[in-house]
Amino acid sequence: MSDQDIQKLENLFPPVSGSAFEAASREVLASGQSVLQSKDGIIYEVFPDGRRVPLKKIEPPVQFAAG
């Protein structure tokens, strides 16, 4: 496998992992359980009925350049 092939596979990881995370989250919510999500520096517990309960303030994500 060439470096170029590896790079192509690495570029696919973010969208594929995002899709897998969303599917898992929907499945958990459909089973009646809650999930944790972070947004704007806060961790929320999200319930199947759509309620969002703030749990904890966190540091904002660190941006970095790939490569």
N, C-alpha and C. Protein backbone atom coordinates (compact mmCIF):
# COMPACT_ATOMS: atom_id res chain seq x y z
N MET A 1 0.86 -1.18 0.00
CA MET A 1 0.00 0.00 0.00
C MET A 1 0.90 1.23 0.00
N SER A 2 0.62 2.14 -0.89
CA SER A 2 1.44 3.34 -1.01
C SER A 2 1.05 4.40 0.00
N ASP A 3 1.91 5.39 0.17
CA ASP A 3 1.59 6.51 1.05
C ASP A 3 0.33 7.24 0.58
N GLN A 4 0.18 7.31 -0.74
CA GLN A 4 -1.00 7.98 -1.31
C GLN A 4 -2.28 7.21 -0.96
N ASP A 5 -2.22 5.87 -1.02
CA ASP A 5 -3.37 5.05 -0.64
C ASP A 5 -3.72 5.24 0.83
N ILE A 6 -2.70 5.29 1.66
CA ILE A 6 -2.92 5.49 3.10
C ILE A 6 -3.55 6.85 3.34
N GLN A 7 -3.07 7.88 2.64
CA GLN A 7 -3.62 9.23 2.79
C GLN A 7 -5.09 9.27 2.40
N LYS A 8 -5.45 8.57 1.31
CA LYS A 8 -6.85 8.53 0.89
C LYS A 8 -7.73 7.89 1.96
N LEU A 9 -7.23 6.79 2.53
CA LEU A 9 -7.99 6.12 3.60
C LEU A 9 -8.12 7.02 4.83
N GLU A 10 -7.04 7.70 5.19
CA GLU A 10 -7.09 8.61 6.34
C GLU A 10 -8.08 9.74 6.11
N ASN A 11 -8.19 10.21 4.89
CA ASN A 11 -9.13 11.29 4.59
C ASN A 11 -10.58 10.84 4.69
N LEU A 12 -10.82 9.53 4.54
CA LEU A 12 -12.17 9.00 4.67
C LEU A 12 -12.60 8.85 6.12
N PHE A 13 -11.66 8.79 7.03
CA PHE A 13 -11.97 8.50 8.42
C PHE A 13 -12.93 9.51 9.07
N PRO A 14 -12.71 10.81 8.97
CA PRO A 14 -13.64 11.74 9.66
C PRO A 14 -15.10 11.61 9.24
N PRO A 15 -15.42 11.60 7.94
CA PRO A 15 -16.85 11.48 7.61
C PRO A 15 -17.44 10.12 7.97
N VAL A 16 -16.66 9.06 7.81
CA VAL A 16 -17.17 7.73 8.13
C VAL A 16 -17.39 7.59 9.63
N SER A 17 -16.43 8.07 10.43
CA SER A 17 -16.59 7.97 11.88
C SER A 17 -17.74 8.85 12.36
N GLY A 18 -17.93 10.01 11.74
CA GLY A 18 -19.06 10.86 12.10
C GLY A 18 -20.39 10.20 11.81
N SER A 19 -20.49 9.52 10.69
CA SER A 19 -21.71 8.80 10.34
C SER A 19 -21.97 7.66 11.32
N ALA A 20 -20.91 6.94 11.67
CA ALA A 20 -21.05 5.82 12.62
C ALA A 20 -21.49 6.34 13.99
N PHE A 21 -20.93 7.46 14.42
CA PHE A 21 -21.30 8.04 15.71
C PHE A 21 -22.77 8.45 15.72
N GLU A 22 -23.22 9.10 14.64
CA GLU A 22 -24.61 9.53 14.56
C GLU A 22 -25.57 8.33 14.58
N ALA A 23 -25.21 7.28 13.85
CA ALA A 23 -26.06 6.08 13.83
C ALA A 23 -26.14 5.44 15.21
N ALA A 24 -25.00 5.36 15.89
CA ALA A 24 -24.98 4.77 17.24
C ALA A 24 -25.80 5.63 18.21
N SER A 25 -25.67 6.93 18.09
CA SER A 25 -26.42 7.84 18.96
C SER A 25 -27.93 7.67 18.76
N ARG A 26 -28.36 7.60 17.49
CA ARG A 26 -29.79 7.39 17.20
C ARG A 26 -30.27 6.06 17.76
N GLU A 27 -29.45 5.03 17.64
CA GLU A 27 -29.82 3.70 18.14
C GLU A 27 -29.98 3.71 19.66
N VAL A 28 -29.07 4.37 20.35
CA VAL A 28 -29.14 4.44 21.81
C VAL A 28 -30.38 5.22 22.23
N LEU A 29 -30.63 6.36 21.60
CA LEU A 29 -31.81 7.17 21.94
C LEU A 29 -33.09 6.39 21.66
N ALA A 30 -33.12 5.64 20.56
CA ALA A 30 -34.30 4.85 20.22
C ALA A 30 -34.56 3.75 21.25
N SER A 31 -33.51 3.32 21.94
CA SER A 31 -33.69 2.27 22.96
C SER A 31 -34.13 2.85 24.30
N GLY A 32 -34.31 4.18 24.36
CA GLY A 32 -34.78 4.82 25.58
C GLY A 32 -33.70 5.32 26.51
N GLN A 33 -32.46 5.21 26.07
CA GLN A 33 -31.35 5.66 26.91
C GLN A 33 -30.89 7.06 26.49
N SER A 34 -30.09 7.69 27.33
CA SER A 34 -29.56 9.01 27.02
C SER A 34 -28.14 8.88 26.46
N VAL A 35 -27.69 9.94 25.80
CA VAL A 35 -26.33 10.03 25.28
C VAL A 35 -25.71 11.33 25.77
N LEU A 36 -24.38 11.39 25.75
CA LEU A 36 -23.67 12.61 26.09
C LEU A 36 -23.19 13.27 24.81
N GLN A 37 -23.31 14.60 24.76
CA GLN A 37 -22.84 15.37 23.61
C GLN A 37 -22.17 16.63 24.14
N SER A 38 -21.18 17.09 23.40
CA SER A 38 -20.56 18.36 23.77
C SER A 38 -20.87 19.39 22.70
N LYS A 39 -21.11 20.61 23.13
CA LYS A 39 -21.38 21.71 22.21
C LYS A 39 -21.04 23.02 22.92
N ASP A 40 -20.28 23.83 22.23
CA ASP A 40 -19.94 25.17 22.73
C ASP A 40 -19.34 25.12 24.13
N GLY A 41 -18.47 24.14 24.38
CA GLY A 41 -17.77 24.08 25.65
C GLY A 41 -18.58 23.53 26.81
N ILE A 42 -19.68 22.85 26.54
CA ILE A 42 -20.51 22.27 27.59
C ILE A 42 -20.85 20.83 27.21
N ILE A 43 -20.76 19.92 28.19
CA ILE A 43 -21.21 18.54 27.99
C ILE A 43 -22.66 18.47 28.41
N TYR A 44 -23.49 17.92 27.52
CA TYR A 44 -24.93 17.78 27.77
C TYR A 44 -25.30 16.31 27.83
N GLU A 45 -26.29 15.98 28.66
CA GLU A 45 -26.94 14.69 28.59
C GLU A 45 -28.20 14.91 27.76
N VAL A 46 -28.33 14.15 26.68
CA VAL A 46 -29.45 14.30 25.76
C VAL A 46 -30.35 13.08 25.90
N PHE A 47 -31.63 13.33 26.08
CA PHE A 47 -32.62 12.28 26.33
C PHE A 47 -33.44 12.01 25.07
N PRO A 48 -34.07 10.83 25.00
CA PRO A 48 -34.86 10.48 23.83
C PRO A 48 -35.96 11.49 23.49
N ASP A 49 -36.48 12.20 24.49
CA ASP A 49 -37.54 13.18 24.23
C ASP A 49 -36.99 14.52 23.75
N GLY A 50 -35.65 14.61 23.58
CA GLY A 50 -35.02 15.83 23.07
C GLY A 50 -34.50 16.77 24.14
N ARG A 51 -34.81 16.48 25.40
CA ARG A 51 -34.29 17.32 26.49
C ARG A 51 -32.78 17.27 26.51
N ARG A 52 -32.17 18.42 26.80
CA ARG A 52 -30.71 18.52 26.93
C ARG A 52 -30.40 19.13 28.29
N VAL A 53 -29.69 18.38 29.12
CA VAL A 53 -29.35 18.84 30.46
C VAL A 53 -27.85 19.12 30.50
N PRO A 54 -27.46 20.37 30.78
CA PRO A 54 -26.02 20.66 30.86
C PRO A 54 -25.41 19.98 32.08
N LEU A 55 -24.26 19.33 31.89
CA LEU A 55 -23.61 18.61 32.98
C LEU A 55 -22.32 19.27 33.44
N LYS A 56 -21.53 19.74 32.49
CA LYS A 56 -20.21 20.24 32.86
C LYS A 56 -19.66 21.16 31.78
N LYS A 57 -19.00 22.23 32.21
CA LYS A 57 -18.31 23.13 31.29
C LYS A 57 -16.92 22.54 31.03
N ILE A 58 -16.49 22.55 29.77
CA ILE A 58 -15.20 22.00 29.39
C ILE A 58 -14.40 23.02 28.58
N GLU A 59 -13.13 22.75 28.43
CA GLU A 59 -12.28 23.60 27.60
C GLU A 59 -12.70 23.44 26.14
N PRO A 60 -12.61 24.51 25.37
CA PRO A 60 -12.95 24.38 23.95
C PRO A 60 -11.95 23.46 23.25
N PRO A 61 -12.37 22.84 22.15
CA PRO A 61 -11.45 21.95 21.43
C PRO A 61 -10.26 22.72 20.88
N VAL A 62 -9.14 22.04 20.77
CA VAL A 62 -7.93 22.64 20.23
C VAL A 62 -7.88 22.35 18.73
N GLN A 63 -7.71 23.39 17.94
CA GLN A 63 -7.60 23.23 16.50
C GLN A 63 -6.14 22.97 16.13
N PHE A 64 -5.93 22.07 15.18
CA PHE A 64 -4.57 21.80 14.73
C PHE A 64 -4.59 21.51 13.24
N ALA A 65 -3.44 21.68 12.63
CA ALA A 65 -3.30 21.40 11.21
C ALA A 65 -2.90 19.95 11.02
N ALA A 66 -3.60 19.28 10.13
CA ALA A 66 -3.27 17.88 9.84
C ALA A 66 -1.92 17.80 9.14
N GLY A 67 -1.24 16.69 9.36
CA GLY A 67 0.04 16.46 8.68
C GLY A 67 1.14 16.68 9.60
